[in-house]
Amino acid sequence: MRKRQTAILAALIATSIYGITFTIAKDVMPLHIKPFGFILLRVTIAASLFWIVGSLFFKSEPIDRKDFLRIFGAAVFGVAINMLSFFKGLSYTTPINAAVIMATAPIMVFVFSIFILKEKIIFRKIIGIALGLTGTVFLILYGHKSSAVGSNIMLGNTLVFINATSYSLYLIIVKKLLDKYHPFTFVKWVYLFGVLLVLPFGFNELSEVSWNTFTFDIWWKIGFIVVLSTFLTYLLNLFALSKLKPTTVSIFIYLQPVIATIYALSVGSDSLNTVKIIATICIFLGIYLVSVKFKKKEVLKVI
């Protein structure tokens, strides 16, 4: 029971860091570092930290050859597509928009669980999926009409939704690997593959950065994203996933819009409007219907 509580606390801390990251990352890019260049910097430093810490404090663990393909798939969805689409999308849209759309991850985890983990289909969960996706589509289509921030809100929102979908698939993929390997063994290989995957996208943008123009404010925000929202949060999430179900871990994402909204409003980087509020209500109702426990009689036996 104590291990479960510790895992829940780890997931909560990781979610809080992610919620603040929406605004902090927006302050750095694309003005100081372009999105793909930032991702290459982020993944490269994080990979180095994982390998150094893993080598110093954890026993080396061999990987079965057959598992490398699954680890590579985790790197594709959990690092490359996930991070590239998120940072690119965030550079176009607003912190609150991005956080609200990211909250659809629990819904997408359930969708993937139906096909991959053969999870039972329940009528009210189907309604939850419909509500959540309706809120997402509403925000993507109409969010740009109610916000003056961001250069291409619709494209940004779409990319963030791709990020949420990719992250959801990642949560499903890693569960079996975490049952078999130590989290550090797993994550250092995921990030090594991740560096190779994002290198072609971020090399040119990273080489264009004018490092000598950075102020202390920019440096600490870069450090926050690289060390806390990448290195630390991945460790916390991996620990949580080793003790909890993927659907349970994904539920904590619903806190991200709350934390992101409070922080963004407090620093004046975003604002609330009717579209965001309506979309948030739909998505949160969808998350509730997907996440709450149901009676057996509610299972759709026809599917």
C-alpha atoms as a PDB file:
ATOM      1  CA  MET A   1       0.000   0.000   0.000  1.00  0.00           C
ATOM      2  CA  ARG A   2       2.855   2.394   0.851  1.00  0.00           C
ATOM      3  CA  LYS A   3       4.497   1.686  -2.518  1.00  0.00           C
ATOM      4  CA  ARG A   4       1.254   2.607  -4.251  1.00  0.00           C
ATOM      5  CA  GLN A   5       1.012   5.868  -2.300  1.00  0.00           C
ATOM      6  CA  THR A   6       4.629   6.699  -3.165  1.00  0.00           C
ATOM      7  CA  ALA A   7       3.919   5.985  -6.836  1.00  0.00           C
ATOM      8  CA  ILE A   8       0.867   8.267  -6.749  1.00  0.00           C
ATOM      9  CA  LEU A   9       2.949  11.040  -5.144  1.00  0.00           C
ATOM     10  CA  ALA A  10       5.618  10.601  -7.847  1.00  0.00           C
ATOM     11  CA  ALA A  11       2.993  10.938 -10.584  1.00  0.00           C
ATOM     12  CA  LEU A  12       1.545  14.030  -8.867  1.00  0.00           C
ATOM     13  CA  ILE A  13       4.948  15.779  -8.647  1.00  0.00           C
ATOM     14  CA  ALA A  14       5.688  14.974 -12.293  1.00  0.00           C
ATOM     15  CA  THR A  15       2.315  16.372 -13.358  1.00  0.00           C
ATOM     16  CA  SER A  16       2.914  19.595 -11.398  1.00  0.00           C
ATOM     17  CA  ILE A  17       6.269  20.102 -13.121  1.00  0.00           C
ATOM     18  CA  TYR A  18       4.670  19.464 -16.507  1.00  0.00           C
ATOM     19  CA  GLY A  19       1.946  22.015 -15.759  1.00  0.00           C
ATOM     20  CA  ILE A  20       4.512  24.766 -15.146  1.00  0.00           C
ATOM     21  CA  THR A  21       6.538  23.680 -18.181  1.00  0.00           C
ATOM     22  CA  PHE A  22       3.863  24.865 -20.632  1.00  0.00           C
ATOM     23  CA  THR A  23       4.512  28.515 -19.795  1.00  0.00           C
ATOM     24  CA  ILE A  24       8.262  28.259 -19.167  1.00  0.00           C
ATOM     25  CA  ALA A  25       8.905  26.556 -22.520  1.00  0.00           C
ATOM     26  CA  LYS A  26       6.783  29.178 -24.250  1.00  0.00           C
ATOM     27  CA  ASP A  27       9.051  31.904 -22.796  1.00  0.00           C
ATOM     28  CA  VAL A  28      12.133  30.303 -24.383  1.00  0.00           C
ATOM     29  CA  MET A  29      10.883  29.345 -27.824  1.00  0.00           C
ATOM     30  CA  PRO A  30      10.687  30.124 -30.617  1.00  0.00           C
ATOM     31  CA  LEU A  31      12.306  33.506 -29.881  1.00  0.00           C
ATOM     32  CA  HIS A  32      15.513  32.202 -28.287  1.00  0.00           C
ATOM     33  CA  ILE A  33      15.595  28.567 -29.456  1.00  0.00           C
ATOM     34  CA  LYS A  34      13.448  27.067 -32.187  1.00  0.00           C
ATOM     35  CA  PRO A  35      11.307  24.065 -31.138  1.00  0.00           C
ATOM     36  CA  PHE A  36      13.190  21.218 -32.817  1.00  0.00           C
ATOM     37  CA  GLY A  37      16.557  22.621 -31.740  1.00  0.00           C
ATOM     38  CA  PHE A  38      15.282  22.843 -28.174  1.00  0.00           C
ATOM     39  CA  ILE A  39      14.149  19.206 -28.311  1.00  0.00           C
ATOM     40  CA  LEU A  40      17.562  18.054 -29.554  1.00  0.00           C
ATOM     41  CA  LEU A  41      19.237  19.949 -26.689  1.00  0.00           C
ATOM     42  CA  ARG A  42      16.722  18.587 -24.198  1.00  0.00           C
ATOM     43  CA  VAL A  43      16.985  14.958 -25.280  1.00  0.00           C
ATOM     44  CA  THR A  44      20.785  14.963 -25.657  1.00  0.00           C
ATOM     45  CA  ILE A  45      21.435  16.358 -22.168  1.00  0.00           C
ATOM     46  CA  ALA A  46      18.781  14.130 -20.603  1.00  0.00           C
ATOM     47  CA  ALA A  47      20.228  11.040 -22.328  1.00  0.00           C
ATOM     48  CA  SER A  48      23.683  11.933 -20.987  1.00  0.00           C
ATOM     49  CA  LEU A  49      22.288  12.290 -17.451  1.00  0.00           C
ATOM     50  CA  PHE A  50      20.447   8.972 -17.659  1.00  0.00           C
ATOM     51  CA  TRP A  51      23.546   7.100 -18.839  1.00  0.00           C
ATOM     52  CA  ILE A  52      25.857   8.766 -16.285  1.00  0.00           C
ATOM     53  CA  VAL A  53      23.544   8.259 -13.311  1.00  0.00           C
ATOM     54  CA  GLY A  54      22.620   4.770 -14.483  1.00  0.00           C
ATOM     55  CA  SER A  55      26.264   3.735 -14.794  1.00  0.00           C
ATOM     56  CA  LEU A  56      27.235   5.177 -11.395  1.00  0.00           C
ATOM     57  CA  PHE A  57      24.366   4.030  -9.218  1.00  0.00           C
ATOM     58  CA  PHE A  58      22.702   1.057 -10.918  1.00  0.00           C
ATOM     59  CA  LYS A  59      23.932  -2.352 -11.964  1.00  0.00           C
ATOM     60  CA  SER A  60      24.205  -2.876 -15.709  1.00  0.00           C
ATOM     61  CA  GLU A  61      21.369  -5.017 -17.006  1.00  0.00           C
ATOM     62  CA  PRO A  62      21.437  -6.808 -20.395  1.00  0.00           C
ATOM     63  CA  ILE A  63      18.573  -6.233 -22.834  1.00  0.00           C
ATOM     64  CA  ASP A  64      17.055  -9.162 -24.702  1.00  0.00           C
ATOM     65  CA  ARG A  65      17.568  -8.659 -28.415  1.00  0.00           C
ATOM     66  CA  LYS A  66      13.844  -9.125 -29.095  1.00  0.00           C
ATOM     67  CA  ASP A  67      13.015  -6.200 -26.761  1.00  0.00           C
ATOM     68  CA  PHE A  68      15.093  -3.622 -28.629  1.00  0.00           C
ATOM     69  CA  LEU A  69      12.315  -3.206 -31.216  1.00  0.00           C
ATOM     70  CA  ARG A  70       9.788  -2.406 -28.477  1.00  0.00           C
ATOM     71  CA  ILE A  71      12.260   0.009 -26.845  1.00  0.00           C
ATOM     72  CA  PHE A  72      12.784   1.689 -30.204  1.00  0.00           C
ATOM     73  CA  GLY A  73       9.004   1.985 -30.572  1.00  0.00           C
ATOM     74  CA  ALA A  74       8.850   3.583 -27.110  1.00  0.00           C
ATOM     75  CA  ALA A  75      11.492   6.083 -28.253  1.00  0.00           C
ATOM     76  CA  VAL A  76       9.487   6.875 -31.395  1.00  0.00           C
ATOM     77  CA  PHE A  77       6.253   7.589 -29.512  1.00  0.00           C
ATOM     78  CA  GLY A  78       7.583   8.669 -26.098  1.00  0.00           C
ATOM     79  CA  VAL A  79      10.471  10.888 -27.228  1.00  0.00           C
ATOM     80  CA  ALA A  80      10.508  11.725 -30.943  1.00  0.00           C
ATOM     81  CA  ILE A  81       6.854  12.220 -31.969  1.00  0.00           C
ATOM     82  CA  ASN A  82       5.793  13.150 -28.439  1.00  0.00           C
ATOM     83  CA  MET A  83       8.367  15.901 -27.844  1.00  0.00           C
ATOM     84  CA  LEU A  84       8.735  17.225 -31.393  1.00  0.00           C
ATOM     85  CA  SER A  85       4.991  17.675 -31.863  1.00  0.00           C
ATOM     86  CA  PHE A  86       4.531  19.135 -28.369  1.00  0.00           C
ATOM     87  CA  PHE A  87       7.224  21.820 -28.607  1.00  0.00           C
ATOM     88  CA  LYS A  88       6.341  22.685 -32.191  1.00  0.00           C
ATOM     89  CA  GLY A  89       2.664  22.884 -31.268  1.00  0.00           C
ATOM     90  CA  LEU A  90       3.358  24.930 -28.127  1.00  0.00           C
ATOM     91  CA  SER A  91       5.350  27.442 -30.190  1.00  0.00           C
ATOM     92  CA  TYR A  92       2.164  28.110 -32.199  1.00  0.00           C
ATOM     93  CA  THR A  93      -0.553  27.895 -29.552  1.00  0.00           C
ATOM     94  CA  THR A  94      -1.056  29.074 -25.941  1.00  0.00           C
ATOM     95  CA  PRO A  95      -0.049  27.346 -22.668  1.00  0.00           C
ATOM     96  CA  ILE A  96      -3.663  26.829 -21.558  1.00  0.00           C
ATOM     97  CA  ASN A  97      -4.758  25.472 -24.955  1.00  0.00           C
ATOM     98  CA  ALA A  98      -1.863  23.014 -24.931  1.00  0.00           C
ATOM     99  CA  ALA A  99      -2.544  21.888 -21.360  1.00  0.00           C
ATOM    100  CA  VAL A 100      -6.257  21.355 -22.002  1.00  0.00           C
ATOM    101  CA  ILE A 101      -5.590  19.244 -25.106  1.00  0.00           C
ATOM    102  CA  MET A 102      -2.903  17.226 -23.294  1.00  0.00           C
ATOM    103  CA  ALA A 103      -5.600  16.267 -20.795  1.00  0.00           C
ATOM    104  CA  THR A 104      -7.129  14.001 -23.462  1.00  0.00           C
ATOM    105  CA  ALA A 105      -4.318  11.487 -22.893  1.00  0.00           C
ATOM    106  CA  PRO A 106      -6.331   9.313 -20.438  1.00  0.00           C
ATOM    107  CA  ILE A 107      -9.066   9.047 -23.049  1.00  0.00           C
ATOM    108  CA  MET A 108      -6.594   8.019 -25.737  1.00  0.00           C
ATOM    109  CA  VAL A 109      -4.968   5.522 -23.344  1.00  0.00           C
ATOM    110  CA  PHE A 110      -8.358   3.842 -22.961  1.00  0.00           C
ATOM    111  CA  VAL A 111      -8.857   3.803 -26.732  1.00  0.00           C
ATOM    112  CA  PHE A 112      -5.485   2.093 -27.246  1.00  0.00           C
ATOM    113  CA  SER A 113      -6.154  -0.234 -24.291  1.00  0.00           C
ATOM    114  CA  ILE A 114      -9.240  -1.540 -26.073  1.00  0.00           C
ATOM    115  CA  PHE A 115      -7.207  -2.695 -29.064  1.00  0.00           C
ATOM    116  CA  ILE A 116      -3.851  -3.558 -27.455  1.00  0.00           C
ATOM    117  CA  LEU A 117      -4.667  -4.658 -23.896  1.00  0.00           C
ATOM    118  CA  LYS A 118      -8.154  -5.955 -24.768  1.00  0.00           C
ATOM    119  CA  GLU A 119      -9.775  -3.816 -22.078  1.00  0.00           C
ATOM    120  CA  LYS A 120     -13.524  -4.221 -21.715  1.00  0.00           C
ATOM    121  CA  ILE A 121     -15.704  -1.681 -23.489  1.00  0.00           C
ATOM    122  CA  ILE A 122     -18.229   0.121 -21.301  1.00  0.00           C
ATOM    123  CA  PHE A 123     -21.029   2.302 -22.606  1.00  0.00           C
ATOM    124  CA  ARG A 124     -20.347   5.279 -20.360  1.00  0.00           C
ATOM    125  CA  LYS A 125     -16.644   5.149 -21.286  1.00  0.00           C
ATOM    126  CA  ILE A 126     -17.622   5.375 -24.953  1.00  0.00           C
ATOM    127  CA  ILE A 127     -19.679   8.457 -24.067  1.00  0.00           C
ATOM    128  CA  GLY A 128     -16.601   9.787 -22.234  1.00  0.00           C
ATOM    129  CA  ILE A 129     -14.436   9.283 -25.306  1.00  0.00           C
ATOM    130  CA  ALA A 130     -17.000  11.116 -27.433  1.00  0.00           C
ATOM    131  CA  LEU A 131     -17.226  14.032 -24.987  1.00  0.00           C
ATOM    132  CA  GLY A 132     -13.475  14.356 -24.618  1.00  0.00           C
ATOM    133  CA  LEU A 133     -12.795  14.278 -28.331  1.00  0.00           C
ATOM    134  CA  THR A 134     -15.662  16.726 -28.933  1.00  0.00           C
ATOM    135  CA  GLY A 135     -14.023  19.187 -26.545  1.00  0.00           C
ATOM    136  CA  THR A 136     -10.681  18.700 -28.264  1.00  0.00           C
ATOM    137  CA  VAL A 137     -12.079  19.230 -31.749  1.00  0.00           C
ATOM    138  CA  PHE A 138     -14.002  22.282 -30.516  1.00  0.00           C
ATOM    139  CA  LEU A 139     -10.821  23.822 -29.118  1.00  0.00           C
ATOM    140  CA  ILE A 140      -8.824  23.011 -32.259  1.00  0.00           C
ATOM    141  CA  LEU A 141     -11.417  24.470 -34.622  1.00  0.00           C
ATOM    142  CA  TYR A 142     -12.533  27.511 -32.640  1.00  0.00           C
ATOM    143  CA  GLY A 143      -9.730  28.183 -30.153  1.00  0.00           C
ATOM    144  CA  HIS A 144      -7.853  30.346 -32.642  1.00  0.00           C
ATOM    145  CA  LYS A 145     -10.820  32.698 -32.971  1.00  0.00           C
ATOM    146  CA  SER A 146     -10.720  33.625 -29.299  1.00  0.00           C
ATOM    147  CA  SER A 147      -7.013  34.103 -28.716  1.00  0.00           C
ATOM    148  CA  ALA A 148      -4.554  36.680 -29.934  1.00  0.00           C
ATOM    149  CA  VAL A 149      -1.508  34.745 -28.717  1.00  0.00           C
ATOM    150  CA  GLY A 150       0.331  32.324 -30.972  1.00  0.00           C
ATOM    151  CA  SER A 151       1.066  32.466 -34.675  1.00  0.00           C
ATOM    152  CA  ASN A 152      -1.074  29.501 -35.764  1.00  0.00           C
ATOM    153  CA  ILE A 153      -3.396  28.352 -32.990  1.00  0.00           C
ATOM    154  CA  MET A 154      -5.221  25.676 -35.012  1.00  0.00           C
ATOM    155  CA  LEU A 155      -2.016  24.003 -36.196  1.00  0.00           C
ATOM    156  CA  GLY A 156      -0.530  24.282 -32.706  1.00  0.00           C
ATOM    157  CA  ASN A 157      -3.575  22.662 -31.102  1.00  0.00           C
ATOM    158  CA  THR A 158      -3.522  19.855 -33.674  1.00  0.00           C
ATOM    159  CA  LEU A 159       0.158  19.138 -33.028  1.00  0.00           C
ATOM    160  CA  VAL A 160      -0.408  19.056 -29.264  1.00  0.00           C
ATOM    161  CA  PHE A 161      -3.224  16.528 -29.790  1.00  0.00           C
ATOM    162  CA  ILE A 162      -0.824  14.391 -31.844  1.00  0.00           C
ATOM    163  CA  ASN A 163       1.566  14.675 -28.897  1.00  0.00           C
ATOM    164  CA  ALA A 164      -1.125  13.504 -26.439  1.00  0.00           C
ATOM    165  CA  THR A 165      -2.007  10.565 -28.695  1.00  0.00           C
ATOM    166  CA  SER A 166       1.640   9.586 -29.077  1.00  0.00           C
ATOM    167  CA  TYR A 167       2.255   9.797 -25.330  1.00  0.00           C
ATOM    168  CA  SER A 168      -0.789   7.617 -24.677  1.00  0.00           C
ATOM    169  CA  LEU A 169       0.536   4.901 -26.975  1.00  0.00           C
ATOM    170  CA  TYR A 170       3.918   5.189 -25.234  1.00  0.00           C
ATOM    171  CA  LEU A 171       2.265   4.485 -21.854  1.00  0.00           C
ATOM    172  CA  ILE A 172       0.830   1.275 -23.260  1.00  0.00           C
ATOM    173  CA  ILE A 173       4.101   0.158 -24.864  1.00  0.00           C
ATOM    174  CA  VAL A 174       6.326   0.656 -21.805  1.00  0.00           C
ATOM    175  CA  LYS A 175       4.220  -1.279 -19.297  1.00  0.00           C
ATOM    176  CA  LYS A 176       5.555  -4.739 -20.261  1.00  0.00           C
ATOM    177  CA  LEU A 177       9.108  -3.426 -20.472  1.00  0.00           C
ATOM    178  CA  LEU A 178       8.933  -1.932 -16.966  1.00  0.00           C
ATOM    179  CA  ASP A 179       7.682  -5.258 -15.638  1.00  0.00           C
ATOM    180  CA  LYS A 180      10.859  -6.832 -16.999  1.00  0.00           C
ATOM    181  CA  TYR A 181      13.632  -4.206 -16.634  1.00  0.00           C
ATOM    182  CA  HIS A 182      14.738  -1.627 -14.106  1.00  0.00           C
ATOM    183  CA  PRO A 183      13.442   1.862 -15.047  1.00  0.00           C
ATOM    184  CA  PHE A 184      16.983   3.224 -15.529  1.00  0.00           C
ATOM    185  CA  THR A 185      17.905   0.367 -17.841  1.00  0.00           C
ATOM    186  CA  PHE A 186      14.868   1.124 -19.928  1.00  0.00           C
ATOM    187  CA  VAL A 187      15.002   4.922 -20.021  1.00  0.00           C
ATOM    188  CA  LYS A 188      18.671   5.277 -20.926  1.00  0.00           C
ATOM    189  CA  TRP A 189      18.118   3.165 -24.045  1.00  0.00           C
ATOM    190  CA  VAL A 190      14.905   5.002 -24.916  1.00  0.00           C
ATOM    191  CA  TYR A 191      16.710   8.337 -24.777  1.00  0.00           C
ATOM    192  CA  LEU A 192      19.718   7.054 -26.694  1.00  0.00           C
ATOM    193  CA  PHE A 193      17.394   6.033 -29.522  1.00  0.00           C
ATOM    194  CA  GLY A 194      15.560   9.329 -29.010  1.00  0.00           C
ATOM    195  CA  VAL A 195      18.710  11.362 -29.685  1.00  0.00           C
ATOM    196  CA  LEU A 196      19.223   9.535 -32.989  1.00  0.00           C
ATOM    197  CA  LEU A 197      15.578  10.089 -33.954  1.00  0.00           C
ATOM    198  CA  VAL A 198      15.435  13.847 -33.247  1.00  0.00           C
ATOM    199  CA  LEU A 199      18.938  14.675 -34.518  1.00  0.00           C
ATOM    200  CA  PRO A 200      17.892  15.147 -38.188  1.00  0.00           C
ATOM    201  CA  PHE A 201      15.069  17.496 -37.134  1.00  0.00           C
ATOM    202  CA  GLY A 202      16.904  19.649 -34.608  1.00  0.00           C
ATOM    203  CA  PHE A 203      20.520  19.894 -35.769  1.00  0.00           C
ATOM    204  CA  ASN A 204      20.121  22.962 -38.002  1.00  0.00           C
ATOM    205  CA  GLU A 205      17.929  24.829 -35.519  1.00  0.00           C
ATOM    206  CA  LEU A 206      20.302  24.153 -32.627  1.00  0.00           C
ATOM    207  CA  SER A 207      23.316  25.316 -34.646  1.00  0.00           C
ATOM    208  CA  GLU A 208      21.556  28.671 -35.246  1.00  0.00           C
ATOM    209  CA  VAL A 209      21.242  29.523 -31.522  1.00  0.00           C
ATOM    210  CA  SER A 210      23.049  32.656 -30.317  1.00  0.00           C
ATOM    211  CA  TRP A 211      24.136  31.413 -26.899  1.00  0.00           C
ATOM    212  CA  ASN A 212      25.980  34.611 -25.965  1.00  0.00           C
ATOM    213  CA  THR A 213      22.721  36.588 -25.990  1.00  0.00           C
ATOM    214  CA  PHE A 214      21.043  34.474 -23.302  1.00  0.00           C
ATOM    215  CA  THR A 215      20.224  36.120 -19.982  1.00  0.00           C
ATOM    216  CA  PHE A 216      20.121  34.317 -16.631  1.00  0.00           C
ATOM    217  CA  ASP A 217      16.331  34.149 -16.947  1.00  0.00           C
ATOM    218  CA  ILE A 218      16.607  32.167 -20.187  1.00  0.00           C
ATOM    219  CA  TRP A 219      19.321  29.862 -18.842  1.00  0.00           C
ATOM    220  CA  TRP A 220      17.398  28.816 -15.742  1.00  0.00           C
ATOM    221  CA  LYS A 221      14.273  28.142 -17.797  1.00  0.00           C
ATOM    222  CA  ILE A 222      16.290  25.929 -20.147  1.00  0.00           C
ATOM    223  CA  GLY A 223      17.725  24.150 -17.098  1.00  0.00           C
ATOM    224  CA  PHE A 224      14.238  23.688 -15.636  1.00  0.00           C
ATOM    225  CA  ILE A 225      12.967  22.024 -18.811  1.00  0.00           C
ATOM    226  CA  VAL A 226      16.039  19.840 -19.392  1.00  0.00           C
ATOM    227  CA  VAL A 227      16.654  18.698 -15.806  1.00  0.00           C
ATOM    228  CA  LEU A 228      13.270  18.841 -14.084  1.00  0.00           C
ATOM    229  CA  SER A 229      10.634  18.438 -16.803  1.00  0.00           C
ATOM    230  CA  THR A 230      12.691  15.860 -18.725  1.00  0.00           C
ATOM    231  CA  PHE A 231      15.138  13.996 -16.464  1.00  0.00           C
ATOM    232  CA  LEU A 232      13.264  14.094 -13.147  1.00  0.00           C
ATOM    233  CA  THR A 233       9.722  13.711 -14.516  1.00  0.00           C
ATOM    234  CA  TYR A 234      10.665  10.712 -16.628  1.00  0.00           C
ATOM    235  CA  LEU A 235      12.121   9.015 -13.547  1.00  0.00           C
ATOM    236  CA  LEU A 236       9.007   9.822 -11.521  1.00  0.00           C
ATOM    237  CA  ASN A 237       6.662   8.602 -14.259  1.00  0.00           C
ATOM    238  CA  LEU A 238       8.665   5.434 -14.829  1.00  0.00           C
ATOM    239  CA  PHE A 239       8.545   4.665 -11.108  1.00  0.00           C
ATOM    240  CA  ALA A 240       4.793   5.325 -11.081  1.00  0.00           C
ATOM    241  CA  LEU A 241       4.278   3.090 -14.124  1.00  0.00           C
ATOM    242  CA  SER A 242       6.203   0.267 -12.445  1.00  0.00           C
ATOM    243  CA  LYS A 243       3.667   0.281  -9.570  1.00  0.00           C
ATOM    244  CA  LEU A 244       0.445   1.469 -11.243  1.00  0.00           C
ATOM    245  CA  LYS A 245      -1.605   0.724 -14.348  1.00  0.00           C
ATOM    246  CA  PRO A 246      -1.052   2.942 -17.449  1.00  0.00           C
ATOM    247  CA  THR A 247      -4.643   4.184 -17.177  1.00  0.00           C
ATOM    248  CA  THR A 248      -4.066   5.200 -13.536  1.00  0.00           C
ATOM    249  CA  VAL A 249      -0.877   7.142 -14.324  1.00  0.00           C
ATOM    250  CA  SER A 250      -2.524   8.887 -17.271  1.00  0.00           C
ATOM    251  CA  ILE A 251      -5.330  10.175 -15.023  1.00  0.00           C
ATOM    252  CA  PHE A 252      -2.888  12.570 -13.336  1.00  0.00           C
ATOM    253  CA  ILE A 253      -2.623  14.452 -16.615  1.00  0.00           C
ATOM    254  CA  TYR A 254      -6.013  15.994 -15.871  1.00  0.00           C
ATOM    255  CA  LEU A 255      -4.262  18.182 -13.284  1.00  0.00           C
ATOM    256  CA  GLN A 256      -2.017  19.735 -15.927  1.00  0.00           C
ATOM    257  CA  PRO A 257      -4.642  22.200 -17.238  1.00  0.00           C
ATOM    258  CA  VAL A 258      -5.357  23.336 -13.671  1.00  0.00           C
ATOM    259  CA  ILE A 259      -1.690  23.895 -12.814  1.00  0.00           C
ATOM    260  CA  ALA A 260      -0.879  25.332 -16.238  1.00  0.00           C
ATOM    261  CA  THR A 261      -3.837  27.741 -16.086  1.00  0.00           C
ATOM    262  CA  ILE A 262      -3.016  28.988 -12.585  1.00  0.00           C
ATOM    263  CA  TYR A 263       0.636  29.533 -13.455  1.00  0.00           C
ATOM    264  CA  ALA A 264      -0.033  31.080 -16.886  1.00  0.00           C
ATOM    265  CA  LEU A 265      -2.613  33.490 -15.462  1.00  0.00           C
ATOM    266  CA  SER A 266      -0.370  34.402 -12.523  1.00  0.00           C
ATOM    267  CA  VAL A 267       2.490  35.442 -14.827  1.00  0.00           C
ATOM    268  CA  GLY A 268       0.186  36.984 -17.444  1.00  0.00           C
ATOM    269  CA  SER A 269       1.200  34.694 -20.306  1.00  0.00           C
ATOM    270  CA  ASP A 270      -2.329  33.564 -21.226  1.00  0.00           C
ATOM    271  CA  SER A 271      -6.003  34.285 -20.578  1.00  0.00           C
ATOM    272  CA  LEU A 272      -9.267  32.374 -20.202  1.00  0.00           C
ATOM    273  CA  ASN A 273     -12.195  32.618 -22.605  1.00  0.00           C
ATOM    274  CA  THR A 274     -15.491  30.872 -23.369  1.00  0.00           C
ATOM    275  CA  VAL A 275     -14.050  28.427 -25.903  1.00  0.00           C
ATOM    276  CA  LYS A 276     -11.361  27.208 -23.499  1.00  0.00           C
ATOM    277  CA  ILE A 277     -13.847  26.838 -20.649  1.00  0.00           C
ATOM    278  CA  ILE A 278     -16.375  24.857 -22.728  1.00  0.00           C
ATOM    279  CA  ALA A 279     -13.660  22.617 -24.182  1.00  0.00           C
ATOM    280  CA  THR A 280     -12.215  22.001 -20.707  1.00  0.00           C
ATOM    281  CA  ILE A 281     -15.622  21.030 -19.302  1.00  0.00           C
ATOM    282  CA  CYS A 282     -16.203  18.533 -22.140  1.00  0.00           C
ATOM    283  CA  ILE A 283     -12.744  17.010 -21.764  1.00  0.00           C
ATOM    284  CA  PHE A 284     -12.972  16.731 -17.976  1.00  0.00           C
ATOM    285  CA  LEU A 285     -16.404  15.099 -18.185  1.00  0.00           C
ATOM    286  CA  GLY A 286     -14.958  12.693 -20.708  1.00  0.00           C
ATOM    287  CA  ILE A 287     -12.018  11.896 -18.427  1.00  0.00           C
ATOM    288  CA  TYR A 288     -14.375  11.271 -15.517  1.00  0.00           C
ATOM    289  CA  LEU A 289     -16.538   8.856 -17.491  1.00  0.00           C
ATOM    290  CA  VAL A 290     -13.493   7.017 -18.817  1.00  0.00           C
ATOM    291  CA  SER A 291     -11.676   6.840 -15.472  1.00  0.00           C
ATOM    292  CA  VAL A 292     -14.429   6.071 -12.944  1.00  0.00           C
ATOM    293  CA  LYS A 293     -15.058   2.440 -11.964  1.00  0.00           C
ATOM    294  CA  PHE A 294     -18.259   0.831 -13.258  1.00  0.00           C
ATOM    295  CA  LYS A 295     -20.426  -2.154 -12.499  1.00  0.00           C
ATOM    296  CA  LYS A 296     -19.995  -5.300 -14.580  1.00  0.00           C
ATOM    297  CA  LYS A 297     -23.470  -5.030 -16.069  1.00  0.00           C
ATOM    298  CA  GLU A 298     -22.397  -1.878 -17.921  1.00  0.00           C
ATOM    299  CA  VAL A 299     -19.986  -3.771 -20.184  1.00  0.00           C
ATOM    300  CA  LEU A 300     -21.068  -3.790 -23.811  1.00  0.00           C
ATOM    301  CA  LYS A 301     -21.296  -7.497 -24.544  1.00  0.00           C
ATOM    302  CA  VAL A 302     -22.040  -6.946 -28.206  1.00  0.00           C
ATOM    303  CA  ILE A 303     -18.509  -5.692 -28.905  1.00  0.00           C
END
